[in-house]
Amino acid sequence: MWAVHGRESTAAALRLLLIAIACGLVFALLHLPLPDDRARTADPGGQRGAAGGGGARLSVQQGRVREARRLSVVTEETDGQTDETAAEEDERISKSPPDTKEKIWMMQDQLILAKAYLHFASPQGSVHLVRELKLKIKEIERAISHSSGGTHVPGSVLQKIKAMELTLSKAQRTYPHCSQMTSKLRAMMHNSEELVRAHQSESSFLEQVAVRTLPKGHHCLAMQLTAEYFSLDPTKREFPKRDNIQLGGYYHYAMFSDNVLASAVVVNSTIAASKDPGRILLHIVTDALNYPAMMMWFLTNPPTPSVIQIQSLDDLKWLPGDFSSRFKLKGVRDPRYTSALNHLRFYLPEVFPSLSKVLLLDHDVVVQNDLSGLWDLDMKGKVTGAVDTCTSSEGFRQLDSLIDFSNPSVFNELDPKACAFAFGMNIFDLNEWRKQGLSTTYHRWFQLGKSEKLWKAGSLPLGQVVFYNRTLPLDHRWHVLGLGHDSSIGRDELESASVIHYSGKLKPWLEISIPKYRGYWNRYLNYDNPHLQQCNIHG
């Protein structure tokens, strides 16, 4: 329902824009020469530009007309034209020779102005002119349809263009002034803008609901696993004891998650990609609510031959009493930014006091290659290793895009143009962390950011400050980001990556995920599993 309202309000705003264009740009269009070798050309991005003798004189007016043409697609949709039809027409036009495209664009400009004049017309106005405008609009629409994709424009179409110019000249003489409508237009525009803002706010809210709400099947799975866990004999609610586990002989992987299926995919893909899965020790920390379901899943689906340990936040008694709520921010609804589990990464040395190195994975990743080589890296005195986001597929991102440098405390210690590093797959040297007293650094910055808004919400901006000049850049093939928002990542880049990361809102377990990336995630779940079958969870 909100999408329909949004289109209606956008269409209303468009019609007002067309009126304004008609008032100010009729002269420009009527004096626009027929295209020749100096005519507009398409730039690399597909936008139409002005070139040649008359381009400079009319560039502003033509830009507005073209913007109106782009927006007119919305109006056409409200009149029954589908997105598919518009896309097919654009494709046909794009395949036309340059001269043909120029004439089609001119006819589209004429259509916009003719429809704007129709809006001016009143029942008491010139009936003949209204009839003529409607006739010429239909003729031009048919001419555009017949010319799209053709090798040339027939002479009859050129005659229709000339005829439309004459009709527009009559309309200009009939409606020479628009000043009497100024007050009415301002009021209408204000109301339209208010409607657009309301629908945008509603759209944003509904998008957040879609992102934050797990599918029904996932709720079913959590409930079913929790019930089964508490039905077990207390002696069977733990993983089998393994004698003589030497922590130094394992590759330690950590994950902080409240999502059972996401955790299962990370675990399954890590083991499948490993050259020596028997040396993998997986550490999962979850919240008290999801602990029973997480335990039951891995009790019934053990990650053999690897070892797994699962803890609840409630087991970490040394955490501050307000830990679960201290990261909530006013006006921030996205749980990715306020989750206590997301911020637990800053307590790694305390969570794993006996470990010297640990690889931290987010629960929205898939491991595709063996990662044991990360433990052999020369960290060069750095605390963590990560890929940067200035040259990766995630897009160019510097610290000043995440942090407010107007504060002297920040400006004096950080370079605003320094490259931001990614979270999602990070190797940590915990001994170096302890040696450099980084936990004290974290608490200092956290308290400063709590009293003043110094950076955007979430753990990533704070992490840039804490690990500034303490991060070892990794080859980008270790970690490819953006599968949760960027649909343009190439297949070769994806398949050569050791870890692919669904960073963004479109997580692979949601129906709104990007379809072409779902297979990389789905392949690590057995959808014949009885629990998944009973909860109607399918790939």
Protein backbone atom coordinates (compact mmCIF):
# COMPACT_ATOMS: atom_id res chain seq x y z
CA MET A 1 0.00 0.00 0.00
CA TRP A 2 2.78 2.44 0.93
CA ALA A 3 4.48 1.87 -2.44
CA VAL A 4 1.30 2.88 -4.31
CA HIS A 5 0.92 6.02 -2.20
CA GLY A 6 4.59 6.84 -2.83
CA ARG A 7 4.12 6.58 -6.60
CA GLU A 8 1.00 8.75 -6.48
CA SER A 9 2.71 11.50 -4.50
CA THR A 10 5.78 11.34 -6.74
CA ALA A 11 3.54 11.61 -9.82
CA ALA A 12 1.84 14.68 -8.31
CA ALA A 13 5.21 16.31 -7.68
CA LEU A 14 6.22 15.48 -11.26
CA ARG A 15 3.17 17.18 -12.73
CA LEU A 16 4.04 20.32 -10.79
CA LEU A 17 7.56 20.13 -12.14
CA LEU A 18 6.20 19.85 -15.68
CA ILE A 19 4.13 22.99 -15.15
CA ALA A 20 7.21 24.88 -14.03
CA ILE A 21 9.14 23.61 -17.04
CA ALA A 22 6.35 24.67 -19.39
CA CYS A 23 6.37 28.18 -17.91
CA GLY A 24 10.10 28.70 -18.23
CA LEU A 25 11.37 26.48 -21.01
CA VAL A 26 8.90 26.65 -23.88
CA PHE A 27 11.02 29.23 -25.64
CA ALA A 28 14.09 27.01 -25.38
CA LEU A 29 12.33 24.00 -26.85
CA LEU A 30 10.64 25.89 -29.69
CA HIS A 31 13.96 27.38 -30.75
CA LEU A 32 15.86 24.12 -30.50
CA PRO A 33 17.13 23.19 -34.00
CA LEU A 34 16.62 19.76 -35.44
CA PRO A 35 19.57 17.53 -34.51
CA ASP A 36 22.58 17.42 -36.80
CA ASP A 37 26.21 16.40 -36.42
CA ARG A 38 26.55 18.79 -33.48
CA ALA A 39 23.65 17.20 -31.60
CA ARG A 40 23.63 15.65 -28.17
CA THR A 41 25.59 12.49 -27.53
CA ALA A 42 25.34 9.85 -24.85
CA ASP A 43 28.04 9.95 -22.19
CA PRO A 44 29.58 6.74 -20.70
CA GLY A 45 27.00 6.70 -17.95
CA GLY A 46 24.10 6.74 -20.36
CA GLN A 47 23.10 10.40 -19.67
CA ARG A 48 22.34 12.75 -22.57
CA GLY A 49 24.57 15.81 -22.86
CA ALA A 50 24.66 18.93 -25.02
CA ALA A 51 27.47 19.63 -27.46
CA GLY A 52 28.09 21.88 -30.42
CA GLY A 53 27.05 25.42 -31.23
CA GLY A 54 23.74 25.71 -29.35
CA GLY A 55 24.67 23.45 -26.44
CA ALA A 56 26.16 26.10 -24.14
CA ARG A 57 23.22 28.48 -24.61
CA LEU A 58 20.57 25.93 -23.73
CA SER A 59 22.49 23.57 -21.43
CA VAL A 60 20.61 24.57 -18.25
CA GLN A 61 17.18 24.42 -19.86
CA GLN A 62 17.92 21.15 -21.65
CA GLY A 63 19.21 19.65 -18.42
CA ARG A 64 15.93 20.44 -16.70
CA VAL A 65 13.92 19.03 -19.59
CA ARG A 66 15.93 15.83 -19.55
CA GLU A 67 15.47 15.56 -15.79
CA ALA A 68 11.73 15.91 -16.30
CA ARG A 69 11.87 13.24 -18.99
CA ARG A 70 13.60 10.91 -16.56
CA LEU A 71 11.02 11.60 -13.87
CA SER A 72 8.17 11.16 -16.35
CA VAL A 73 8.71 7.43 -16.19
CA VAL A 74 7.00 7.59 -12.80
CA THR A 75 3.94 9.25 -14.33
CA GLU A 76 3.84 6.69 -17.11
CA GLU A 77 3.84 3.92 -14.53
CA THR A 78 0.80 5.44 -12.83
CA ASP A 79 -0.93 5.46 -16.22
CA GLY A 80 -0.39 1.73 -16.60
CA GLN A 81 3.04 1.42 -18.22
CA THR A 82 5.11 -1.26 -16.52
CA ASP A 83 8.82 -1.14 -15.70
CA GLU A 84 9.40 -3.92 -18.22
CA THR A 85 7.82 -1.93 -21.05
CA ALA A 86 9.87 1.15 -20.23
CA ALA A 87 13.05 -0.92 -20.07
CA GLU A 88 12.30 -2.52 -23.45
CA GLU A 89 11.68 0.89 -25.03
CA ASP A 90 14.94 2.28 -23.59
CA GLU A 91 16.80 -0.74 -24.94
CA ARG A 92 15.33 -0.24 -28.42
CA ILE A 93 16.26 3.44 -28.37
CA SER A 94 19.81 2.64 -27.23
CA LYS A 95 20.26 0.38 -30.27
CA SER A 96 19.20 3.11 -32.71
CA PRO A 97 21.73 5.08 -34.78
CA PRO A 98 22.80 8.46 -33.27
CA ASP A 99 20.65 10.58 -35.64
CA THR A 100 17.58 8.51 -34.85
CA LYS A 101 18.18 8.75 -31.10
CA GLU A 102 18.48 12.53 -31.29
CA LYS A 103 15.12 12.84 -33.00
CA ILE A 104 13.49 10.47 -30.51
CA TRP A 105 14.85 12.53 -27.64
CA MET A 106 13.45 15.69 -29.28
CA MET A 107 10.02 14.05 -29.58
CA GLN A 108 10.16 13.03 -25.93
CA ASP A 109 10.89 16.66 -25.00
CA GLN A 110 7.90 17.75 -27.05
CA LEU A 111 5.68 15.22 -25.31
CA ILE A 112 6.62 16.55 -21.87
CA LEU A 113 5.77 20.14 -22.78
CA ALA A 114 2.57 19.18 -24.59
CA LYS A 115 1.32 17.26 -21.54
CA ALA A 116 2.22 20.22 -19.32
CA TYR A 117 0.11 22.55 -21.49
CA LEU A 118 -2.77 20.07 -21.26
CA HIS A 119 -2.54 20.43 -17.50
CA PHE A 120 -2.97 24.21 -17.89
CA ALA A 121 -6.03 23.82 -20.07
CA SER A 122 -9.40 24.40 -18.38
CA PRO A 123 -12.90 23.32 -19.44
CA GLN A 124 -13.60 26.99 -20.31
CA GLY A 125 -10.42 27.25 -22.39
CA SER A 126 -9.75 26.61 -26.05
CA VAL A 127 -11.45 23.33 -26.89
CA HIS A 128 -9.78 23.30 -30.28
CA LEU A 129 -6.28 23.66 -28.79
CA VAL A 130 -6.92 20.89 -26.24
CA ARG A 131 -8.13 18.57 -28.99
CA GLU A 132 -5.13 19.46 -31.13
CA LEU A 133 -2.69 18.85 -28.27
CA LYS A 134 -4.20 15.44 -27.53
CA LEU A 135 -4.03 14.47 -31.20
CA LYS A 136 -0.43 15.58 -31.58
CA ILE A 137 0.55 13.74 -28.37
CA LYS A 138 -0.85 10.48 -29.75
CA GLU A 139 0.90 11.04 -33.08
CA ILE A 140 4.26 11.70 -31.42
CA GLU A 141 3.86 8.68 -29.12
CA ARG A 142 3.22 6.46 -32.15
CA ALA A 143 6.15 8.05 -33.97
CA ILE A 144 8.49 7.31 -31.06
CA SER A 145 7.29 3.70 -30.93
CA HIS A 146 7.81 3.21 -34.68
CA SER A 147 11.21 4.95 -34.71
CA SER A 148 12.73 3.13 -31.71
CA GLY A 149 15.29 0.60 -32.87
CA GLY A 150 15.03 1.69 -36.50
CA THR A 151 17.91 2.67 -38.75
CA HIS A 152 16.36 6.00 -39.80
CA VAL A 153 13.45 8.30 -39.10
CA PRO A 154 10.84 8.37 -41.89
CA GLY A 155 9.92 11.69 -43.47
CA SER A 156 6.41 11.41 -42.06
CA VAL A 157 7.86 11.50 -38.55
CA LEU A 158 9.81 14.67 -39.33
CA GLN A 159 6.54 16.24 -40.49
CA LYS A 160 4.92 15.25 -37.17
CA ILE A 161 7.79 16.91 -35.28
CA LYS A 162 7.25 20.14 -37.26
CA ALA A 163 3.50 19.94 -36.67
CA MET A 164 4.01 19.52 -32.92
CA GLU A 165 6.28 22.59 -32.92
CA LEU A 166 3.48 24.64 -34.45
CA THR A 167 0.98 23.34 -31.88
CA LEU A 168 3.34 24.16 -29.03
CA SER A 169 3.74 27.67 -30.45
CA LYS A 170 -0.04 28.11 -30.31
CA ALA A 171 -0.05 26.85 -26.72
CA GLN A 172 2.65 29.32 -25.77
CA ARG A 173 0.61 32.20 -27.17
CA THR A 174 -2.51 30.94 -25.38
CA TYR A 175 -0.77 30.57 -22.00
CA PRO A 176 1.94 33.29 -22.03
CA HIS A 177 2.02 33.91 -18.26
CA CYS A 178 2.07 31.69 -15.21
CA SER A 179 2.38 34.25 -12.42
CA GLN A 180 -1.27 33.93 -11.38
CA MET A 181 -0.66 30.32 -10.42
CA THR A 182 2.36 30.99 -8.17
CA SER A 183 0.54 30.85 -4.83
CA LYS A 184 -1.42 27.77 -5.77
CA LEU A 185 1.70 25.97 -7.03
CA ARG A 186 3.60 26.79 -3.85
CA ALA A 187 0.84 25.37 -1.68
CA MET A 188 0.52 22.26 -3.85
CA MET A 189 4.28 21.75 -3.93
CA HIS A 190 4.50 22.08 -0.15
CA ASN A 191 1.77 19.47 0.34
CA SER A 192 3.42 17.14 -2.18
CA GLU A 193 6.79 17.46 -0.49
CA GLU A 194 5.22 16.67 2.87
CA LEU A 195 3.59 13.57 1.40
CA VAL A 196 6.85 12.45 -0.20
CA ARG A 197 8.72 12.88 3.09
CA ALA A 198 6.04 10.92 4.95
CA HIS A 199 6.17 8.05 2.45
CA GLN A 200 9.97 8.04 2.44
CA SER A 201 9.95 7.77 6.23
CA GLU A 202 7.42 4.95 6.08
CA SER A 203 9.43 3.18 3.39
CA SER A 204 12.61 3.43 5.45
CA PHE A 205 10.80 2.07 8.51
CA LEU A 206 9.36 -0.90 6.60
CA GLU A 207 12.77 -1.65 5.13
CA GLN A 208 14.21 -1.76 8.64
CA VAL A 209 11.42 -4.12 9.70
CA ALA A 210 12.27 -6.43 6.80
CA VAL A 211 15.96 -6.37 7.74
CA ARG A 212 15.46 -6.85 11.47
CA THR A 213 12.76 -9.50 11.30
CA LEU A 214 13.85 -13.09 10.84
CA PRO A 215 11.73 -15.24 8.54
CA LYS A 216 8.98 -17.27 10.17
CA GLY A 217 10.89 -20.50 9.62
CA HIS A 218 13.85 -19.22 11.63
CA HIS A 219 11.62 -18.44 14.59
CA CYS A 220 10.12 -21.90 14.31
CA LEU A 221 13.59 -23.45 14.27
CA ALA A 222 14.73 -21.53 17.36
CA MET A 223 11.60 -22.51 19.29
CA GLN A 224 11.82 -26.14 18.28
CA LEU A 225 15.52 -26.43 19.15
CA THR A 226 15.02 -24.67 22.48
CA ALA A 227 12.17 -26.99 23.47
CA GLU A 228 14.23 -30.06 22.55
CA TYR A 229 17.24 -28.77 24.48
CA PHE A 230 15.28 -28.40 27.72
CA SER A 231 13.71 -31.83 27.22
CA LEU A 232 17.17 -33.40 27.30
CA ASP A 233 18.59 -34.95 30.42
CA PRO A 234 20.90 -32.29 31.98
CA THR A 235 23.87 -34.63 31.58
CA LYS A 236 23.36 -34.65 27.80
CA ARG A 237 23.22 -30.88 27.35
CA GLU A 238 26.99 -30.56 26.96
CA PHE A 239 29.39 -31.58 24.22
CA PRO A 240 31.37 -34.78 24.81
CA LYS A 241 34.56 -34.19 26.79
CA ARG A 242 37.81 -34.45 24.87
CA ASP A 243 40.84 -35.45 26.86
CA ASN A 244 44.18 -33.69 26.56
CA ILE A 245 43.07 -30.79 24.38
CA GLN A 246 46.19 -28.69 23.84
CA LEU A 247 45.00 -25.20 22.90
CA GLY A 248 48.29 -24.43 21.18
CA GLY A 249 47.74 -27.24 18.69
CA TYR A 250 44.56 -25.72 17.19
CA TYR A 251 43.58 -22.99 14.82
CA HIS A 252 41.12 -20.94 16.86
CA TYR A 253 38.11 -19.42 15.11
CA ALA A 254 35.73 -17.15 17.02
CA MET A 255 32.22 -15.99 16.16
CA PHE A 256 29.73 -13.92 18.15
CA SER A 257 26.22 -14.63 16.90
CA ASP A 258 22.55 -15.02 17.82
CA ASN A 259 21.61 -16.62 14.48
CA VAL A 260 21.65 -20.43 14.43
CA LEU A 261 21.56 -21.01 10.67
CA ALA A 262 24.08 -18.27 9.94
CA SER A 263 26.44 -19.83 12.48
CA ALA A 264 25.89 -23.26 10.93
CA VAL A 265 26.92 -21.96 7.51
CA VAL A 266 30.10 -20.35 8.86
CA VAL A 267 31.02 -23.56 10.72
CA ASN A 268 30.21 -25.88 7.80
CA SER A 269 32.03 -23.76 5.22
CA THR A 270 35.09 -23.34 7.46
CA ILE A 271 35.41 -27.09 7.95
CA ALA A 272 34.74 -27.88 4.28
CA ALA A 273 37.45 -25.45 3.13
CA SER A 274 40.08 -26.51 5.66
CA LYS A 275 43.04 -28.69 4.72
CA ASP A 276 43.21 -29.99 8.30
CA PRO A 277 39.74 -29.70 9.91
CA GLY A 278 40.85 -31.83 12.85
CA ARG A 279 42.95 -28.92 14.05
CA ILE A 280 40.09 -26.42 14.09
CA LEU A 281 38.61 -25.25 17.39
CA LEU A 282 35.47 -23.16 16.94
CA HIS A 283 34.40 -20.72 19.66
CA ILE A 284 30.85 -19.35 19.52
CA VAL A 285 29.50 -16.78 21.96
CA THR A 286 25.76 -16.09 21.84
CA ASP A 287 23.19 -14.43 24.10
CA ALA A 288 21.25 -16.21 26.84
CA LEU A 289 18.04 -16.28 24.79
CA ASN A 290 19.59 -18.14 21.86
CA TYR A 291 22.05 -20.29 23.81
CA PRO A 292 19.73 -23.36 24.11
CA ALA A 293 18.90 -23.35 20.38
CA MET A 294 22.55 -22.88 19.40
CA MET A 295 23.63 -25.74 21.69
CA MET A 296 20.90 -28.07 20.43
CA TRP A 297 21.75 -27.45 16.80
CA PHE A 298 25.40 -28.37 17.21
CA LEU A 299 24.61 -31.25 19.57
CA THR A 300 22.52 -32.79 16.80
CA ASN A 301 24.81 -31.57 14.00
CA PRO A 302 28.34 -31.89 15.45
CA PRO A 303 31.10 -30.31 13.32
CA THR A 304 33.19 -33.47 13.18
CA PRO A 305 36.21 -33.74 13.14
CA SER A 306 36.58 -30.19 14.49
CA VAL A 307 35.99 -29.16 18.10
CA ILE A 308 33.36 -26.60 19.09
CA GLN A 309 32.76 -24.60 22.28
CA ILE A 310 29.66 -22.47 22.87
CA GLN A 311 29.31 -19.85 25.58
CA SER A 312 26.55 -17.47 26.65
CA LEU A 313 27.15 -13.81 27.40
CA ASP A 314 25.82 -14.59 30.87
CA ASP A 315 28.81 -16.91 31.40
CA LEU A 316 31.19 -13.95 31.05
CA LYS A 317 30.73 -12.70 34.61
CA TRP A 318 33.53 -10.15 34.32
CA LEU A 319 31.62 -8.06 31.73
CA PRO A 320 30.21 -4.69 32.93
CA GLY A 321 26.74 -4.99 34.43
CA ASP A 322 25.24 -2.76 31.74
CA PHE A 323 27.05 -4.47 28.86
CA SER A 324 23.92 -5.69 27.07
CA SER A 325 22.40 -2.19 26.99
CA ARG A 326 25.35 0.22 26.96
CA PHE A 327 25.60 0.34 23.17
CA LYS A 328 22.01 1.39 22.50
CA LEU A 329 21.76 4.84 20.95
CA LYS A 330 18.82 7.19 20.65
CA GLY A 331 17.32 7.09 17.17
CA VAL A 332 19.34 4.04 16.07
CA ARG A 333 17.06 1.06 15.41
CA ASP A 334 19.36 -1.25 13.47
CA PRO A 335 20.50 -4.05 15.82
CA ARG A 336 23.72 -4.46 13.84
CA TYR A 337 24.89 -1.20 15.40
CA THR A 338 23.65 -1.68 18.95
CA SER A 339 24.19 -5.41 19.50
CA ALA A 340 26.30 -6.32 22.51
CA LEU A 341 27.61 -9.33 20.58
CA ASN A 342 28.86 -7.03 17.84
CA HIS A 343 30.85 -4.98 20.36
CA LEU A 344 32.25 -8.03 22.15
CA ARG A 345 35.14 -7.97 19.66
CA PHE A 346 36.78 -5.26 21.79
CA TYR A 347 37.03 -7.73 24.69
CA LEU A 348 38.78 -10.57 22.85
CA PRO A 349 41.77 -10.88 25.26
CA GLU A 350 39.36 -11.25 28.20
CA VAL A 351 37.04 -13.67 26.35
CA PHE A 352 40.01 -15.87 25.42
CA PRO A 353 42.63 -15.33 28.14
CA SER A 354 44.59 -18.46 27.20
CA LEU A 355 44.90 -17.77 23.48
CA SER A 356 47.64 -15.94 21.64
CA LYS A 357 45.97 -15.70 18.22
CA VAL A 358 42.35 -15.94 17.08
CA LEU A 359 40.54 -15.45 13.79
CA LEU A 360 37.26 -13.55 14.27
CA LEU A 361 34.51 -14.16 11.70
CA ASP A 362 31.18 -12.37 11.40
CA HIS A 363 28.17 -14.65 11.04
CA ASP A 364 27.30 -13.32 7.58
CA VAL A 365 30.39 -14.76 5.86
CA VAL A 366 31.10 -17.91 3.90
CA VAL A 367 34.59 -19.46 3.99
CA GLN A 368 35.69 -20.80 0.61
CA ASN A 369 39.41 -21.52 1.05
CA ASP A 370 41.72 -22.78 3.78
CA LEU A 371 42.58 -19.95 6.18
CA SER A 372 45.40 -21.55 8.14
CA GLY A 373 47.90 -19.34 6.31
CA LEU A 374 46.69 -16.37 8.36
CA TRP A 375 48.30 -17.85 11.47
CA ASP A 376 51.68 -17.85 9.67
CA LEU A 377 51.58 -14.17 8.75
CA ASP A 378 54.32 -11.90 10.03
CA MET A 379 52.14 -9.34 11.84
CA LYS A 380 55.07 -6.85 12.06
CA GLY A 381 54.04 -5.73 15.52
CA LYS A 382 50.45 -5.04 14.47
CA VAL A 383 47.48 -6.18 16.55
CA THR A 384 45.10 -7.17 13.75
CA GLY A 385 45.09 -8.00 10.05
CA ALA A 386 42.30 -6.83 7.72
CA VAL A 387 41.60 -5.78 4.14
CA ASP A 388 41.18 -2.07 3.49
CA THR A 389 38.05 -0.55 1.98
CA CYS A 390 39.74 2.06 -0.18
CA THR A 391 40.57 -0.32 -3.00
CA SER A 392 38.21 -3.25 -2.36
CA SER A 393 34.79 -3.90 -3.90
CA GLU A 394 33.25 -2.29 -0.80
CA GLY A 395 34.04 1.09 -2.29
CA PHE A 396 36.40 3.96 -1.48
CA ARG A 397 36.08 4.75 2.22
CA GLN A 398 38.33 6.98 4.33
CA LEU A 399 38.16 7.69 8.03
CA ASP A 400 36.42 11.02 7.55
CA SER A 401 33.40 9.13 6.15
CA LEU A 402 32.96 7.40 9.53
CA ILE A 403 34.40 9.80 12.10
CA ASP A 404 33.78 13.45 13.03
CA PHE A 405 37.13 15.23 12.78
CA SER A 406 35.81 18.54 14.11
CA ASN A 407 36.73 17.35 17.62
CA PRO A 408 40.37 18.24 18.48
CA SER A 409 40.88 14.90 20.29
CA VAL A 410 40.17 13.08 17.05
CA PHE A 411 41.81 15.55 14.67
CA ASN A 412 45.11 15.57 16.56
CA GLU A 413 45.46 11.77 16.67
CA LEU A 414 44.04 10.51 13.37
CA ASP A 415 44.49 11.23 9.67
CA PRO A 416 41.06 11.93 8.10
CA LYS A 417 42.28 10.63 4.72
CA ALA A 418 43.62 7.35 6.13
CA CYS A 419 42.05 4.23 4.71
CA ALA A 420 39.34 2.44 6.68
CA PHE A 421 39.73 -1.27 7.30
CA ALA A 422 37.01 -3.89 7.15
CA PHE A 423 35.52 -6.04 9.87
CA GLY A 424 34.12 -9.48 9.12
CA MET A 425 37.33 -11.51 8.88
CA ASN A 426 40.17 -10.38 11.13
CA ILE A 427 43.19 -12.17 12.54
CA PHE A 428 44.15 -10.91 16.01
CA ASP A 429 47.48 -11.21 17.82
CA LEU A 430 46.16 -11.19 21.39
CA ASN A 431 49.64 -11.15 22.92
CA GLU A 432 50.43 -7.94 21.05
CA TRP A 433 47.03 -6.55 22.08
CA ARG A 434 47.88 -7.13 25.74
CA LYS A 435 51.41 -5.82 25.32
CA GLN A 436 50.20 -2.53 23.81
CA GLY A 437 47.44 -2.09 26.42
CA LEU A 438 44.81 -1.78 23.74
CA SER A 439 41.92 -2.54 26.10
CA THR A 440 42.73 0.68 27.99
CA THR A 441 42.80 2.55 24.67
CA TYR A 442 39.38 1.13 23.78
CA HIS A 443 37.79 2.18 27.08
CA ARG A 444 39.23 5.70 26.77
CA TRP A 445 37.82 6.20 23.30
CA PHE A 446 34.51 4.54 24.18
CA GLN A 447 33.94 6.90 27.11
CA LEU A 448 34.89 9.90 24.97
CA GLY A 449 32.50 8.81 22.21
CA LYS A 450 29.76 8.23 24.75
CA SER A 451 29.91 11.83 26.01
CA GLU A 452 30.24 13.32 22.52
CA LYS A 453 28.99 11.99 19.18
CA LEU A 454 32.35 11.50 17.45
CA TRP A 455 31.51 8.76 14.94
CA LYS A 456 28.71 6.88 13.28
CA ALA A 457 26.85 4.10 15.08
CA GLY A 458 28.25 0.58 15.24
CA SER A 459 31.52 -1.08 16.08
CA LEU A 460 33.27 -0.35 12.76
CA PRO A 461 33.94 3.40 13.29
CA LEU A 462 35.10 2.82 16.87
CA GLY A 463 37.30 -0.01 15.62
CA GLN A 464 39.04 2.34 13.19
CA VAL A 465 40.04 4.53 16.13
CA VAL A 466 41.10 1.70 18.45
CA PHE A 467 43.15 -0.14 15.82
CA TYR A 468 44.53 2.97 14.12
CA ASN A 469 48.14 2.31 12.99
CA ARG A 470 47.81 -1.16 14.50
CA THR A 471 46.31 -2.94 11.46
CA LEU A 472 48.23 -5.06 8.94
CA PRO A 473 46.77 -4.72 5.42
CA LEU A 474 45.79 -8.08 3.91
CA ASP A 475 45.57 -9.09 0.27
CA HIS A 476 42.01 -8.46 -0.91
CA ARG A 477 41.65 -12.06 -2.04
CA TRP A 478 41.38 -13.02 1.60
CA HIS A 479 38.12 -11.15 2.08
CA VAL A 480 35.60 -9.85 -0.50
CA LEU A 481 32.85 -7.65 0.93
CA GLY A 482 29.57 -6.18 -0.26
CA LEU A 483 27.37 -9.17 -1.08
CA GLY A 484 24.63 -7.66 1.07
CA HIS A 485 24.25 -4.52 -1.03
CA ASP A 486 26.36 -4.62 -4.22
CA SER A 487 25.01 -6.71 -7.08
CA SER A 488 27.89 -5.89 -9.42
CA ILE A 489 30.62 -8.08 -7.91
CA GLY A 490 32.07 -10.32 -10.61
CA ARG A 491 32.02 -14.10 -10.50
CA ASP A 492 35.79 -14.41 -10.83
CA GLU A 493 36.35 -12.11 -7.86
CA LEU A 494 33.84 -14.06 -5.76
CA GLU A 495 35.15 -17.50 -6.55
CA SER A 496 38.80 -16.57 -5.99
CA ALA A 497 38.06 -15.08 -2.54
CA SER A 498 38.91 -17.02 0.60
CA VAL A 499 36.01 -15.40 2.47
CA ILE A 500 32.95 -13.73 0.98
CA HIS A 501 31.04 -11.35 3.20
CA TYR A 502 27.36 -10.40 2.93
CA SER A 503 28.02 -6.97 4.44
CA GLY A 504 24.97 -4.76 4.08
CA LYS A 505 21.26 -5.17 4.78
CA LEU A 506 20.45 -7.90 2.25
CA LYS A 507 21.52 -10.94 4.25
CA PRO A 508 21.45 -14.33 2.49
CA TRP A 509 18.84 -15.79 4.86
CA LEU A 510 16.34 -13.02 4.02
CA GLU A 511 13.94 -13.04 1.09
CA ILE A 512 15.22 -9.58 0.12
CA SER A 513 18.76 -10.91 -0.44
CA ILE A 514 20.46 -10.56 -3.83
CA PRO A 515 19.44 -13.71 -5.74
CA LYS A 516 22.69 -14.35 -7.60
CA TYR A 517 24.64 -14.61 -4.33
CA ARG A 518 22.27 -16.97 -2.47
CA GLY A 519 23.81 -20.14 -3.88
CA TYR A 520 27.17 -19.49 -2.22
CA TRP A 521 25.39 -19.54 1.15
CA ASN A 522 22.77 -22.22 0.51
CA ARG A 523 25.31 -24.87 -0.48
CA TYR A 524 26.47 -25.16 3.14
CA LEU A 525 23.06 -26.03 4.56
CA ASN A 526 21.46 -29.46 4.28
CA TYR A 527 17.83 -28.59 3.59
CA ASP A 528 16.85 -32.24 4.07
CA ASN A 529 17.62 -31.79 7.77
CA PRO A 530 14.46 -32.77 9.74
CA HIS A 531 14.50 -29.53 11.72
CA LEU A 532 14.59 -27.45 8.54
CA GLN A 533 11.92 -29.59 6.90
CA GLN A 534 9.58 -29.28 9.87
CA CYS A 535 9.95 -25.50 9.89
CA ASN A 536 9.51 -25.23 6.10
CA ILE A 537 12.97 -23.75 5.53
CA HIS A 538 14.10 -24.28 1.96
CA GLY A 539 16.95 -23.06 -0.21
